Each structure stands twice: as structure tokens, then as C-alpha cells.
């Protein structure tokens, strides 16, 4: 009788340890599979070069293309960071990369990540590092965001996002912020 009880207690302890192990190791691994760090070498390199948080770049890529390098939007945006060909050409010119630049190069992850990260950095400078403005401008256009803030349509805060006139931009802001927070939580960003 005592041996049966001891076996049950031992089995319960083993079961509880297994549950603890799964919660400690399995859940984070599953969560990380939902928030992958594909192309992280290119992301980290360009994030360091242009002083942009690599988790923000990863969040934008996750929301824009789900890490699909050949993604094309209904409006013609291309690649991982969904860059419009005209924006890609303009950015390449600003970066001194215009010689030999062709819009199909936006399907190449290193090129797309470099241009997209540079563009995020340029938005960060323009909007004094204010994350909601940077993210909204990435999707809705820097001119639109500037106008919304200047005219008082939107106060530029995440809390005031309901006043963003473009539903797509408001949704994009919410998705990128949520992804960014998850990347930071899962991978130790501060």
C-alpha cells in the first residue's frame, strides 16, 4: 500500500516537473515561432548602421510581409518591408545606391532591409523618435502624418490612434506596436 502511494506521488512529481519544463521551455519556443527573427544578420547590421531598434525592423517585416521576400501588395509594394518602387528609388538615391538600382532589387532581402531600415531611420529623425508617428508614417506617408498632427486631427500618440483618418494606418500601427512589444519581451529587448 505504501509502495503504491509512493509511486503515485513520484508520478505526480514527475508530471509536475514535466509541466513546469514545458511551460518554461516549450511555451517560449512556440511563441518565438510566431515571432521569428529571420534575416536577423541583415536586420541587425542595418539596424546598427542606421540606429534603429532591430526588433522594430522585425516587427515591421512581420506585419508587412510575414517574412516573405517576394510579397507584393495590391498597390505594388514589394519585398519584406513592402517598399513601393518609387520610394525604393528615392531612398536608393538618398543613400547613394541609385546606380544600378532596379525595382526588382526590392525582392532581395539585404537590399529591402537596408532601404526599409534607412527609411525608418529617416522617419525617426523627422518625427523626433516618436514611435507612433514613425510607424504611422511608414504606412500612411510622412506627409499625411505631418498634416494630421499639424491640423490637430491626431495628437501623434498611440492612445489617440482612433483619430488616425486611415483605417489601414491605424491597424498597421496597432499590429506593429503589438509585434514590437512581443519581440522585445521574447528576445530580451529593453
C-alpha atoms as a PDB file:
ATOM      1  CA  UNK A   1       0.000   0.000   0.000  1.00  0.00           C
ATOM      2  CA  UNK A   2       2.816   2.363   0.943  1.00  0.00           C
ATOM      3  CA  UNK A   3       4.711   1.492  -2.254  1.00  0.00           C
ATOM      4  CA  UNK A   4       1.639   2.259  -4.413  1.00  0.00           C
ATOM      5  CA  UNK A   5       1.199   5.607  -2.711  1.00  0.00           C
ATOM      6  CA  UNK A   6       4.899   6.393  -3.146  1.00  0.00           C
ATOM      7  CA  UNK A   7       4.639   5.517  -6.874  1.00  0.00           C
ATOM      8  CA  UNK A   8       1.628   7.831  -7.254  1.00  0.00           C
ATOM      9  CA  UNK A   9       3.455  10.677  -5.512  1.00  0.00           C
ATOM     10  CA  UNK A  10       6.543  10.067  -7.647  1.00  0.00           C
ATOM     11  CA  UNK A  11       4.438  10.033 -10.804  1.00  0.00           C
ATOM     12  CA  UNK A  12       2.730  13.268  -9.732  1.00  0.00           C
ATOM     13  CA  UNK A  13       6.092  14.923  -9.080  1.00  0.00           C
ATOM     14  CA  UNK A  14       7.422  13.792 -12.461  1.00  0.00           C
ATOM     15  CA  UNK A  15       4.237  15.072 -14.120  1.00  0.00           C
ATOM     16  CA  UNK A  16       4.508  18.460 -12.371  1.00  0.00           C
ATOM     17  CA  UNK A  17       8.175  18.773 -13.325  1.00  0.00           C
ATOM     18  CA  UNK A  18       7.261  17.955 -16.927  1.00  0.00           C
ATOM     19  CA  UNK A  19       4.537  20.630 -16.893  1.00  0.00           C
ATOM     20  CA  UNK A  20       6.978  23.171 -15.442  1.00  0.00           C
ATOM     21  CA  UNK A  21       9.552  22.251 -18.091  1.00  0.00           C
ATOM     22  CA  UNK A  22       7.000  22.617 -20.900  1.00  0.00           C
ATOM     23  CA  UNK A  23       5.876  25.976 -19.558  1.00  0.00           C
ATOM     24  CA  UNK A  24       9.439  27.203 -19.141  1.00  0.00           C
ATOM     25  CA  UNK A  25      10.841  25.912 -22.433  1.00  0.00           C
ATOM     26  CA  UNK A  26       8.019  24.860 -24.720  1.00  0.00           C
ATOM     27  CA  UNK A  27       5.790  27.922 -24.486  1.00  0.00           C
ATOM     28  CA  UNK A  28       8.591  30.424 -25.216  1.00  0.00           C
ATOM     29  CA  UNK A  29       9.755  28.274 -28.152  1.00  0.00           C
ATOM     30  CA  UNK A  30       6.211  28.231 -29.534  1.00  0.00           C
ATOM     31  CA  UNK A  31       5.863  31.982 -29.015  1.00  0.00           C
ATOM     32  CA  UNK A  32       9.189  32.599 -30.723  1.00  0.00           C
ATOM     33  CA  UNK A  33       7.984  30.573 -33.701  1.00  0.00           C
ATOM     34  CA  UNK A  34       5.164  33.120 -34.035  1.00  0.00           C
ATOM     35  CA  UNK A  35       7.696  35.978 -33.841  1.00  0.00           C
ATOM     36  CA  UNK A  36      10.692  34.708 -35.807  1.00  0.00           C
ATOM     37  CA  UNK A  37      13.956  36.505 -36.396  1.00  0.00           C
ATOM     38  CA  UNK A  38      14.541  35.517 -39.993  1.00  0.00           C
ATOM     39  CA  UNK A  39      17.157  37.578 -41.831  1.00  0.00           C
ATOM     40  CA  UNK A  40      18.404  38.753 -38.459  1.00  0.00           C
ATOM     41  CA  UNK A  41      22.005  39.216 -39.619  1.00  0.00           C
ATOM     42  CA  UNK A  42      20.867  41.753 -42.241  1.00  0.00           C
ATOM     43  CA  UNK A  43      18.405  43.312 -39.808  1.00  0.00           C
ATOM     44  CA  UNK A  44      20.968  43.678 -37.018  1.00  0.00           C
ATOM     45  CA  UNK A  45      23.636  45.026 -39.374  1.00  0.00           C
ATOM     46  CA  UNK A  46      21.358  47.685 -40.865  1.00  0.00           C
ATOM     47  CA  UNK A  47      19.723  48.496 -37.536  1.00  0.00           C
ATOM     48  CA  UNK A  48      23.171  49.224 -36.096  1.00  0.00           C
ATOM     49  CA  UNK A  49      24.194  51.232 -39.180  1.00  0.00           C
ATOM     50  CA  UNK A  50      21.079  53.419 -39.124  1.00  0.00           C
ATOM     51  CA  UNK A  51      20.475  53.390 -35.348  1.00  0.00           C
ATOM     52  CA  UNK A  52      17.075  51.687 -35.463  1.00  0.00           C
ATOM     53  CA  UNK A  53      15.889  49.065 -32.984  1.00  0.00           C
ATOM     54  CA  UNK A  54      16.236  45.683 -34.757  1.00  0.00           C
ATOM     55  CA  UNK A  55      13.048  44.494 -33.064  1.00  0.00           C
ATOM     56  CA  UNK A  56      11.165  47.373 -34.692  1.00  0.00           C
ATOM     57  CA  UNK A  57      12.515  46.324 -38.092  1.00  0.00           C
ATOM     58  CA  UNK A  58      11.491  42.718 -37.394  1.00  0.00           C
ATOM     59  CA  UNK A  59       8.024  43.849 -36.300  1.00  0.00           C
ATOM     60  CA  UNK A  60       7.542  45.876 -39.486  1.00  0.00           C
ATOM     61  CA  UNK A  61       8.652  42.911 -41.609  1.00  0.00           C
ATOM     62  CA  UNK A  62       6.378  40.529 -39.715  1.00  0.00           C
ATOM     63  CA  UNK A  63       3.353  42.772 -40.224  1.00  0.00           C
ATOM     64  CA  UNK A  64       4.167  43.849 -43.779  1.00  0.00           C
ATOM     65  CA  UNK A  65       5.127  40.526 -45.381  1.00  0.00           C
ATOM     66  CA  UNK A  66       5.262  37.792 -42.742  1.00  0.00           C
ATOM     67  CA  UNK A  67       8.914  37.417 -43.797  1.00  0.00           C
ATOM     68  CA  UNK A  68       8.021  36.552 -47.400  1.00  0.00           C
ATOM     69  CA  UNK A  69      10.710  38.184 -49.594  1.00  0.00           C
ATOM     70  CA  UNK A  70       8.609  38.043 -52.773  1.00  0.00           C
ATOM     71  CA  UNK A  71       5.466  39.548 -51.262  1.00  0.00           C
ATOM     72  CA  UNK A  72       3.699  42.152 -53.402  1.00  0.00           C
ATOM     73  CA  UNK A  73       0.838  44.280 -52.081  1.00  0.00           C
ATOM     74  CA  UNK A  74      -2.266  45.163 -54.058  1.00  0.00           C
ATOM     75  CA  UNK A  75      -0.714  48.621 -54.505  1.00  0.00           C
ATOM     76  CA  UNK A  76       2.610  47.277 -55.759  1.00  0.00           C
ATOM     77  CA  UNK A  77       4.758  47.483 -52.609  1.00  0.00           C
ATOM     78  CA  UNK A  78       7.494  44.868 -52.740  1.00  0.00           C
ATOM     79  CA  UNK A  79       9.504  42.581 -50.564  1.00  0.00           C
ATOM     80  CA  UNK A  80       9.953  42.035 -46.880  1.00  0.00           C
ATOM     81  CA  UNK A  81       9.323  45.624 -45.803  1.00  0.00           C
ATOM     82  CA  UNK A  82       6.770  46.305 -48.556  1.00  0.00           C
ATOM     83  CA  UNK A  83       8.543  49.210 -50.210  1.00  0.00           C
ATOM     84  CA  UNK A  84       6.901  50.968 -53.130  1.00  0.00           C
ATOM     85  CA  UNK A  85       9.191  51.058 -56.196  1.00  0.00           C
ATOM     86  CA  UNK A  86       9.153  54.888 -56.284  1.00  0.00           C
ATOM     87  CA  UNK A  87      10.056  55.038 -52.589  1.00  0.00           C
ATOM     88  CA  UNK A  88      12.788  52.461 -53.145  1.00  0.00           C
ATOM     89  CA  UNK A  89      14.300  54.508 -55.976  1.00  0.00           C
ATOM     90  CA  UNK A  90      14.078  57.735 -53.960  1.00  0.00           C
ATOM     91  CA  UNK A  91      15.653  56.076 -50.914  1.00  0.00           C
ATOM     92  CA  UNK A  92      18.389  54.486 -53.059  1.00  0.00           C
ATOM     93  CA  UNK A  93      19.193  57.939 -54.464  1.00  0.00           C
ATOM     94  CA  UNK A  94      19.306  59.453 -50.977  1.00  0.00           C
ATOM     95  CA  UNK A  95      21.561  56.622 -49.824  1.00  0.00           C
ATOM     96  CA  UNK A  96      23.855  56.848 -52.870  1.00  0.00           C
ATOM     97  CA  UNK A  97      22.762  53.429 -54.147  1.00  0.00           C
ATOM     98  CA  UNK A  98      20.855  54.563 -57.230  1.00  0.00           C
ATOM     99  CA  UNK A  99      23.440  53.402 -59.755  1.00  0.00           C
ATOM    100  CA  UNK A 100      22.236  50.054 -60.976  1.00  0.00           C
ATOM    101  CA  UNK A 101      19.142  50.147 -58.788  1.00  0.00           C
ATOM    102  CA  UNK A 102      16.150  48.353 -60.285  1.00  0.00           C
ATOM    103  CA  UNK A 103      12.794  47.926 -58.620  1.00  0.00           C
ATOM    104  CA  UNK A 104      13.108  44.109 -58.693  1.00  0.00           C
ATOM    105  CA  UNK A 105      16.019  44.507 -56.289  1.00  0.00           C
ATOM    106  CA  UNK A 106      13.366  45.195 -53.642  1.00  0.00           C
ATOM    107  CA  UNK A 107      12.751  41.437 -53.625  1.00  0.00           C
ATOM    108  CA  UNK A 108      16.321  40.837 -52.407  1.00  0.00           C
ATOM    109  CA  UNK A 109      16.220  40.674 -48.590  1.00  0.00           C
ATOM    110  CA  UNK A 110      19.542  42.507 -47.998  1.00  0.00           C
ATOM    111  CA  UNK A 111      18.518  45.383 -50.290  1.00  0.00           C
ATOM    112  CA  UNK A 112      14.955  45.581 -48.999  1.00  0.00           C
ATOM    113  CA  UNK A 113      16.050  45.510 -45.365  1.00  0.00           C
ATOM    114  CA  UNK A 114      18.720  48.155 -45.961  1.00  0.00           C
ATOM    115  CA  UNK A 115      16.320  50.532 -47.703  1.00  0.00           C
ATOM    116  CA  UNK A 116      13.461  49.874 -45.269  1.00  0.00           C
ATOM    117  CA  UNK A 117      15.683  50.363 -42.232  1.00  0.00           C
ATOM    118  CA  UNK A 118      17.178  53.535 -43.689  1.00  0.00           C
ATOM    119  CA  UNK A 119      13.635  54.779 -44.320  1.00  0.00           C
ATOM    120  CA  UNK A 120      12.616  54.045 -40.708  1.00  0.00           C
ATOM    121  CA  UNK A 121      15.688  55.980 -39.561  1.00  0.00           C
ATOM    122  CA  UNK A 122      14.761  58.941 -41.758  1.00  0.00           C
ATOM    123  CA  UNK A 123      11.250  58.905 -40.282  1.00  0.00           C
ATOM    124  CA  UNK A 124      12.720  58.711 -36.775  1.00  0.00           C
ATOM    125  CA  UNK A 125      14.738  61.866 -37.466  1.00  0.00           C
ATOM    126  CA  UNK A 126      11.756  63.672 -38.945  1.00  0.00           C
ATOM    127  CA  UNK A 127       9.424  62.725 -36.094  1.00  0.00           C
ATOM    128  CA  UNK A 128      11.927  63.088 -33.226  1.00  0.00           C
ATOM    129  CA  UNK A 129      11.947  59.375 -32.452  1.00  0.00           C
ATOM    130  CA  UNK A 130       8.234  59.263 -31.589  1.00  0.00           C
ATOM    131  CA  UNK A 131       7.371  55.648 -32.321  1.00  0.00           C
ATOM    132  CA  UNK A 132       3.641  56.039 -33.137  1.00  0.00           C
ATOM    133  CA  UNK A 133       4.453  58.776 -35.658  1.00  0.00           C
ATOM    134  CA  UNK A 134       7.282  56.764 -37.222  1.00  0.00           C
ATOM    135  CA  UNK A 135       5.146  53.650 -37.635  1.00  0.00           C
ATOM    136  CA  UNK A 136       2.108  55.554 -38.912  1.00  0.00           C
ATOM    137  CA  UNK A 137       4.263  57.466 -41.415  1.00  0.00           C
ATOM    138  CA  UNK A 138       5.838  54.225 -42.652  1.00  0.00           C
ATOM    139  CA  UNK A 139       2.372  53.073 -43.683  1.00  0.00           C
ATOM    140  CA  UNK A 140       0.332  56.213 -44.251  1.00  0.00           C
ATOM    141  CA  UNK A 141       3.022  58.515 -45.588  1.00  0.00           C
ATOM    142  CA  UNK A 142       5.135  61.130 -43.871  1.00  0.00           C
ATOM    143  CA  UNK A 143       3.196  63.999 -45.446  1.00  0.00           C
ATOM    144  CA  UNK A 144      -0.160  62.676 -44.269  1.00  0.00           C
ATOM    145  CA  UNK A 145       1.081  62.107 -40.724  1.00  0.00           C
ATOM    146  CA  UNK A 146       2.625  65.595 -40.582  1.00  0.00           C
ATOM    147  CA  UNK A 147      -0.653  67.103 -41.775  1.00  0.00           C
ATOM    148  CA  UNK A 148      -2.734  65.137 -39.265  1.00  0.00           C
ATOM    149  CA  UNK A 149      -0.550  66.295 -36.395  1.00  0.00           C
ATOM    150  CA  UNK A 150      -0.266  69.922 -37.560  1.00  0.00           C
ATOM    151  CA  UNK A 151      -4.028  70.249 -38.065  1.00  0.00           C
ATOM    152  CA  UNK A 152      -4.880  68.516 -34.791  1.00  0.00           C
ATOM    153  CA  UNK A 153      -6.613  65.559 -36.421  1.00  0.00           C
ATOM    154  CA  UNK A 154      -4.321  63.208 -34.496  1.00  0.00           C
ATOM    155  CA  UNK A 155      -2.200  64.040 -31.466  1.00  0.00           C
ATOM    156  CA  UNK A 156       0.520  61.605 -32.557  1.00  0.00           C
ATOM    157  CA  UNK A 157       0.152  59.315 -29.554  1.00  0.00           C
ATOM    158  CA  UNK A 158      -0.636  55.641 -29.519  1.00  0.00           C
ATOM    159  CA  UNK A 159      -3.505  56.351 -27.136  1.00  0.00           C
ATOM    160  CA  UNK A 160      -5.005  58.799 -29.638  1.00  0.00           C
ATOM    161  CA  UNK A 161      -4.733  56.399 -32.590  1.00  0.00           C
ATOM    162  CA  UNK A 162      -8.515  56.219 -33.002  1.00  0.00           C
ATOM    163  CA  UNK A 163      -8.265  59.648 -34.660  1.00  0.00           C
ATOM    164  CA  UNK A 164      -5.968  58.452 -37.454  1.00  0.00           C
ATOM    165  CA  UNK A 165      -8.078  59.013 -40.590  1.00  0.00           C
ATOM    166  CA  UNK A 166      -6.809  55.925 -42.458  1.00  0.00           C
ATOM    167  CA  UNK A 167      -8.124  52.654 -41.021  1.00  0.00           C
ATOM    168  CA  UNK A 168      -5.250  50.770 -42.661  1.00  0.00           C
ATOM    169  CA  UNK A 169      -2.684  53.013 -40.955  1.00  0.00           C
ATOM    170  CA  UNK A 170      -4.396  52.735 -37.572  1.00  0.00           C
ATOM    171  CA  UNK A 171      -4.480  48.938 -37.875  1.00  0.00           C
ATOM    172  CA  UNK A 172      -0.858  48.863 -39.062  1.00  0.00           C
ATOM    173  CA  UNK A 173       0.195  50.941 -36.043  1.00  0.00           C
ATOM    174  CA  UNK A 174      -1.605  48.585 -33.663  1.00  0.00           C
ATOM    175  CA  UNK A 175      -0.133  45.454 -35.251  1.00  0.00           C
ATOM    176  CA  UNK A 176       3.426  46.776 -35.409  1.00  0.00           C
ATOM    177  CA  UNK A 177       3.355  48.039 -31.815  1.00  0.00           C
ATOM    178  CA  UNK A 178       1.989  44.687 -30.593  1.00  0.00           C
ATOM    179  CA  UNK A 179       4.625  42.769 -32.582  1.00  0.00           C
ATOM    180  CA  UNK A 180       7.387  45.104 -31.423  1.00  0.00           C
ATOM    181  CA  UNK A 181       6.418  44.581 -27.787  1.00  0.00           C
ATOM    182  CA  UNK A 182       6.366  40.802 -28.288  1.00  0.00           C
ATOM    183  CA  UNK A 183       9.799  40.809 -29.930  1.00  0.00           C
ATOM    184  CA  UNK A 184      11.209  42.813 -27.064  1.00  0.00           C
ATOM    185  CA  UNK A 185       9.572  40.541 -24.487  1.00  0.00           C
ATOM    186  CA  UNK A 186      10.599  37.281 -26.153  1.00  0.00           C
ATOM    187  CA  UNK A 187      14.154  38.231 -27.085  1.00  0.00           C
ATOM    188  CA  UNK A 188      15.110  40.422 -24.147  1.00  0.00           C
ATOM    189  CA  UNK A 189      14.838  43.902 -25.608  1.00  0.00           C
ATOM    190  CA  UNK A 190      14.829  46.712 -23.116  1.00  0.00           C
END
